[in-house]
PDB file of N, CA and C in Angstrom:
ATOM      1  N   MET A   1      89.122 141.735 134.152  1.00  0.00           N
ATOM      2  CA  MET A   1      88.800 141.793 132.932  1.00  0.00           C
ATOM      3  C   MET A   1      89.492 143.399 132.410  1.00  0.00           C
ATOM      4  N   THR A   2      89.826 144.234 131.447  1.00  0.00           N
ATOM      5  CA  THR A   2      90.821 145.157 130.473  1.00  0.00           C
ATOM      6  C   THR A   2      89.777 145.083 129.450  1.00  0.00           C
ATOM      7  N   LYS A   3      89.526 146.390 128.986  1.00  0.00           N
ATOM      8  CA  LYS A   3      89.440 147.135 128.339  1.00  0.00           C
ATOM      9  C   LYS A   3      90.431 147.004 127.087  1.00  0.00           C
ATOM     10  N   LYS A   4      89.184 146.553 125.516  1.00  0.00           N
ATOM     11  CA  LYS A   4      90.700 146.287 124.935  1.00  0.00           C
ATOM     12  C   LYS A   4      90.049 147.494 123.994  1.00  0.00           C
ATOM     13  N   ASP A   5      90.699 148.319 123.634  1.00  0.00           N
ATOM     14  CA  ASP A   5      90.608 149.436 122.553  1.00  0.00           C
ATOM     15  C   ASP A   5      89.164 149.416 120.910  1.00  0.00           C
ATOM     16  N   PRO A   6      88.721 149.298 121.209  1.00  0.00           N
ATOM     17  CA  PRO A   6      88.028 149.408 119.218  1.00  0.00           C
ATOM     18  C   PRO A   6      88.716 150.024 118.153  1.00  0.00           C
ATOM     19  N   PHE A   7      89.981 150.783 118.372  1.00  0.00           N
ATOM     20  CA  PHE A   7      90.155 150.511 117.147  1.00  0.00           C
ATOM     21  C   PHE A   7      91.377 150.885 116.971  1.00  0.00           C
ATOM     22  N   GLU A   8      91.736 149.689 118.121  1.00  0.00           N
ATOM     23  CA  GLU A   8      93.439 148.689 118.186  1.00  0.00           C
ATOM     24  C   GLU A   8      93.865 148.142 116.814  1.00  0.00           C
ATOM     25  N   ASN A   9      92.715 147.842 115.754  1.00  0.00           N
ATOM     26  CA  ASN A   9      93.390 146.946 114.931  1.00  0.00           C
ATOM     27  C   ASN A   9      92.900 147.919 113.444  1.00  0.00           C
ATOM     28  N   ILE A  10      92.803 149.477 113.270  1.00  0.00           N
ATOM     29  CA  ILE A  10      92.656 149.659 112.315  1.00  0.00           C
ATOM     30  C   ILE A  10      93.281 150.699 111.694  1.00  0.00           C
ATOM     31  N   LYS A  11      94.802 150.026 110.275  1.00  0.00           N
ATOM     32  CA  LYS A  11      95.194 150.183 109.956  1.00  0.00           C
ATOM     33  C   LYS A  11      95.751 151.840 109.086  1.00  0.00           C
ATOM     34  N   GLU A  12      96.270 152.083 108.768  1.00  0.00           N
ATOM     35  CA  GLU A  12      96.677 153.475 108.428  1.00  0.00           C
ATOM     36  C   GLU A  12      96.451 153.364 107.028  1.00  0.00           C
ATOM     37  N   GLU A  13      96.136 152.159 105.571  1.00  0.00           N
ATOM     38  CA  GLU A  13      95.925 152.129 104.776  1.00  0.00           C
ATOM     39  C   GLU A  13      94.706 152.115 104.339  1.00  0.00           C
ATOM     40  N   ASP A  14      93.374 152.292 105.574  1.00  0.00           N
ATOM     41  CA  ASP A  14      92.122 152.124 105.794  1.00  0.00           C
ATOM     42  C   ASP A  14      91.529 153.055 105.992  1.00  0.00           C
ATOM     43  N   LEU A  15      92.024 153.812 106.088  1.00  0.00           N
ATOM     44  CA  LEU A  15      91.731 155.586 106.557  1.00  0.00           C
ATOM     45  C   LEU A  15      92.781 156.155 106.050  1.00  0.00           C
ATOM     46  N   ARG A  16      93.401 155.551 104.535  1.00  0.00           N
ATOM     47  CA  ARG A  16      93.581 156.294 103.655  1.00  0.00           C
ATOM     48  C   ARG A  16      92.203 156.514 102.493  1.00  0.00           C
ATOM     49  N   ASP A  17      91.671 154.930 102.744  1.00  0.00           N
ATOM     50  CA  ASP A  17      91.082 154.553 101.777  1.00  0.00           C
ATOM     51  C   ASP A  17      89.532 155.077 102.408  1.00  0.00           C
ATOM     52  N   PHE A  18      88.943 155.753 103.354  1.00  0.00           N
ATOM     53  CA  PHE A  18      87.532 156.442 103.838  1.00  0.00           C
ATOM     54  C   PHE A  18      87.943 158.153 103.595  1.00  0.00           C
ATOM     55  N   ASN A  19      87.880 158.336 102.413  1.00  0.00           N
ATOM     56  CA  ASN A  19      87.951 159.492 101.917  1.00  0.00           C
ATOM     57  C   ASN A  19      86.679 159.924 101.131  1.00  0.00           C
ATOM     58  N   ASN A  20      86.468 160.974 101.148  1.00  0.00           N
ATOM     59  CA  ASN A  20      85.302 161.380 100.054  1.00  0.00           C
ATOM     60  C   ASN A  20      85.468 161.106  98.205  1.00  0.00           C
ATOM     61  N   LYS A  21      86.316 160.968  98.610  1.00  0.00           N
ATOM     62  CA  LYS A  21      85.852 160.310  97.012  1.00  0.00           C
ATOM     63  C   LYS A  21      85.174 159.167  95.727  1.00  0.00           C
ATOM     64  N   CYS A  22      84.451 160.209  96.032  1.00  0.00           N
ATOM     65  CA  CYS A  22      83.928 159.041  94.704  1.00  0.00           C
ATOM     66  C   CYS A  22      84.658 158.494  93.932  1.00  0.00           C
ATOM     67  N   ASP A  23      84.459 156.806  93.615  1.00  0.00           N
ATOM     68  CA  ASP A  23      84.923 155.889  92.735  1.00  0.00           C
ATOM     69  C   ASP A  23      84.638 155.949  91.435  1.00  0.00           C
ATOM     70  N   GLU A  24      83.940 156.532  91.343  1.00  0.00           N
ATOM     71  CA  GLU A  24      83.020 156.843  90.011  1.00  0.00           C
ATOM     72  C   GLU A  24      83.315 157.855  89.112  1.00  0.00           C
ATOM     73  N   CYS A  25      82.956 158.737  89.348  1.00  0.00           N
ATOM     74  CA  CYS A  25      83.559 160.319  88.925  1.00  0.00           C
ATOM     75  C   CYS A  25      84.738 160.805  89.574  1.00  0.00           C
ATOM     76  N   LYS A  26      84.783 160.242  90.389  1.00  0.00           N
ATOM     77  CA  LYS A  26      86.505 161.146  91.034  1.00  0.00           C
ATOM     78  C   LYS A  26      86.430 161.866  91.975  1.00  0.00           C
ATOM     79  N   LYS A  27      85.036 162.644  91.723  1.00  0.00           N
ATOM     80  CA  LYS A  27      84.957 163.839  92.413  1.00  0.00           C
ATOM     81  C   LYS A  27      85.266 163.869  94.187  1.00  0.00           C
ATOM     82  N   GLU A  28      85.333 165.320  94.280  1.00  0.00           N
ATOM     83  CA  GLU A  28      84.710 164.554  96.729  1.00  0.00           C
ATOM     84  C   GLU A  28      83.379 165.475  96.178  1.00  0.00           C
ATOM     85  N   ASP A  29      82.775 164.063  97.454  1.00  0.00           N
ATOM     86  CA  ASP A  29      81.833 165.367  97.708  1.00  0.00           C
ATOM     87  C   ASP A  29      81.011 164.773  98.991  1.00  0.00           C
ATOM     88  N   GLU A  30      80.631 165.202 100.509  1.00  0.00           N
ATOM     89  CA  GLU A  30      80.818 164.712 101.367  1.00  0.00           C
ATOM     90  C   GLU A  30      79.377 163.933 101.440  1.00  0.00           C
ATOM     91  N   SER A  31      78.628 163.675 100.474  1.00  0.00           N
ATOM     92  CA  SER A  31      77.988 162.122 100.229  1.00  0.00           C
ATOM     93  C   SER A  31      78.538 160.958  99.789  1.00  0.00           C
ATOM     94  N   VAL A  32      79.491 160.858  99.969  1.00  0.00           N
ATOM     95  CA  VAL A  32      80.536 159.642  99.674  1.00  0.00           C
ATOM     96  C   VAL A  32      80.533 158.577 100.567  1.00  0.00           C
ATOM     97  N   SER A  33      80.835 159.487 102.130  1.00  0.00           N
ATOM     98  CA  SER A  33      81.007 158.809 103.312  1.00  0.00           C
ATOM     99  C   SER A  33      79.827 158.056 103.793  1.00  0.00           C
ATOM    100  N   GLN A  34      78.875 159.355 103.779  1.00  0.00           N
ATOM    101  CA  GLN A  34      77.396 158.509 103.771  1.00  0.00           C
ATOM    102  C   GLN A  34      76.953 157.616 103.512  1.00  0.00           C
ATOM    103  N   ASN A  35      77.444 157.014 101.636  1.00  0.00           N
ATOM    104  CA  ASN A  35      76.246 156.668 101.430  1.00  0.00           C
ATOM    105  C   ASN A  35      77.596 155.061 101.191  1.00  0.00           C
ATOM    106  N   LEU A  36      78.831 155.315 101.411  1.00  0.00           N
ATOM    107  CA  LEU A  36      79.882 154.231 102.206  1.00  0.00           C
ATOM    108  C   LEU A  36      79.014 153.914 103.500  1.00  0.00           C
ATOM    109  N   ILE A  37      78.073 154.253 104.255  1.00  0.00           N
ATOM    110  CA  ILE A  37      78.100 153.680 105.265  1.00  0.00           C
ATOM    111  C   ILE A  37      76.755 152.973 105.314  1.00  0.00           C
ATOM    112  N   LEU A  38      76.130 153.596 104.606  1.00  0.00           N
ATOM    113  CA  LEU A  38      74.667 153.302 104.191  1.00  0.00           C
ATOM    114  C   LEU A  38      74.321 151.396 103.385  1.00  0.00           C
ATOM    115  N   THR A  39      74.945 152.136 102.718  1.00  0.00           N
ATOM    116  CA  THR A  39      75.452 150.464 101.335  1.00  0.00           C
ATOM    117  C   THR A  39      76.765 150.453 100.943  1.00  0.00           C
ATOM    118  N   GLY A  40      77.532 150.617 101.498  1.00  0.00           N
ATOM    119  CA  GLY A  40      78.876 150.155 101.128  1.00  0.00           C
ATOM    120  C   GLY A  40      79.396 150.593  99.832  1.00  0.00           C
ATOM    121  N   PHE A  41      79.211 150.457  99.104  1.00  0.00           N
ATOM    122  CA  PHE A  41      79.995 151.087  97.763  1.00  0.00           C
ATOM    123  C   PHE A  41      80.199 152.829  97.782  1.00  0.00           C
ATOM    124  N   LYS A  42      81.611 153.558  97.711  1.00  0.00           N
ATOM    125  CA  LYS A  42      82.180 154.711  97.519  1.00  0.00           C
ATOM    126  C   LYS A  42      81.452 155.442  96.341  1.00  0.00           C
ATOM    127  N   VAL A  43      80.145 155.830  95.960  1.00  0.00           N
ATOM    128  CA  VAL A  43      79.119 156.602  95.170  1.00  0.00           C
ATOM    129  C   VAL A  43      79.056 158.026  95.782  1.00  0.00           C
ATOM    130  N   CYS A  44      78.998 158.883  95.372  1.00  0.00           N
ATOM    131  CA  CYS A  44      78.389 160.438  95.383  1.00  0.00           C
ATOM    132  C   CYS A  44      77.235 160.195  95.177  1.00  0.00           C
ATOM    133  N   LYS A  45      76.404 160.772  95.911  1.00  0.00           N
ATOM    134  CA  LYS A  45      74.769 161.435  95.040  1.00  0.00           C
ATOM    135  C   LYS A  45      74.321 161.118  93.838  1.00  0.00           C
ATOM    136  N   SER A  46      75.113 161.747  93.099  1.00  0.00           N
ATOM    137  CA  SER A  46      75.089 162.003  92.036  1.00  0.00           C
ATOM    138  C   SER A  46      74.581 160.718  90.478  1.00  0.00           C
ATOM    139  N   CYS A  47      76.300 159.954  91.319  1.00  0.00           N
ATOM    140  CA  CYS A  47      76.282 158.560  90.885  1.00  0.00           C
ATOM    141  C   CYS A  47      75.411 156.926  90.687  1.00  0.00           C
ATOM    142  N   ARG A  48      75.111 157.953  91.794  1.00  0.00           N
ATOM    143  CA  ARG A  48      73.980 156.443  92.296  1.00  0.00           C
ATOM    144  C   ARG A  48      72.850 156.961  92.316  1.00  0.00           C
ATOM    145  N   THR A  49      72.558 157.712  92.217  1.00  0.00           N
ATOM    146  CA  THR A  49      71.096 157.659  91.233  1.00  0.00           C
ATOM    147  C   THR A  49      70.673 157.700  89.732  1.00  0.00           C
ATOM    148  N   SER A  50      72.085 157.672  88.762  1.00  0.00           N
ATOM    149  CA  SER A  50      72.645 157.570  87.959  1.00  0.00           C
ATOM    150  C   SER A  50      72.357 156.302  87.594  1.00  0.00           C
ATOM    151  N   LYS A  51      73.755 155.505  88.817  1.00  0.00           N
ATOM    152  CA  LYS A  51      73.171 154.338  88.436  1.00  0.00           C
ATOM    153  C   LYS A  51      72.099 153.449  89.232  1.00  0.00           C
ATOM    154  N   THR A  52      71.028 153.886  89.378  1.00  0.00           N
ATOM    155  CA  THR A  52      69.707 153.452  89.833  1.00  0.00           C
ATOM    156  C   THR A  52      68.738 153.566  89.050  1.00  0.00           C
ATOM    157  N   ILE A  53      69.297 154.917  87.928  1.00  0.00           N
ATOM    158  CA  ILE A  53      68.024 154.830  87.433  1.00  0.00           C
ATOM    159  C   ILE A  53      68.592 153.801  85.884  1.00  0.00           C
ATOM    160  N   PHE A  54      69.980 153.921  85.690  1.00  0.00           N
ATOM    161  CA  PHE A  54      70.415 153.033  84.216  1.00  0.00           C
ATOM    162  C   PHE A  54      71.585 152.389  84.696  1.00  0.00           C
ATOM    163  N   PRO A  55      70.823 151.047  85.740  1.00  0.00           N
ATOM    164  CA  PRO A  55      71.438 149.957  86.229  1.00  0.00           C
ATOM    165  C   PRO A  55      72.800 149.051  85.311  1.00  0.00           C
ATOM    166  N   ILE A  56      73.525 149.833  83.913  1.00  0.00           N
ATOM    167  CA  ILE A  56      74.169 149.225  83.105  1.00  0.00           C
ATOM    168  C   ILE A  56      75.747 149.376  83.809  1.00  0.00           C
TER     169      ILE A  56
END
C-alpha cells in the first residue's frame, strides 16, 4: 500500500484564488480566509456583518 499525497491534485489556479482579498469590497483582510473556511464565501468581517444586517 502506497501513501498518496493529499496535495497532489491542487492546481496553481486554486492557490491564486486562495488570497485574502474580499469579493465584495476588494480590500485585503485576514478575516477573508477565515470566513472562507467557515462559510465558503470570500468576504471580510465588515462585509459579512453588513450582509447579515442588510441581506439584499
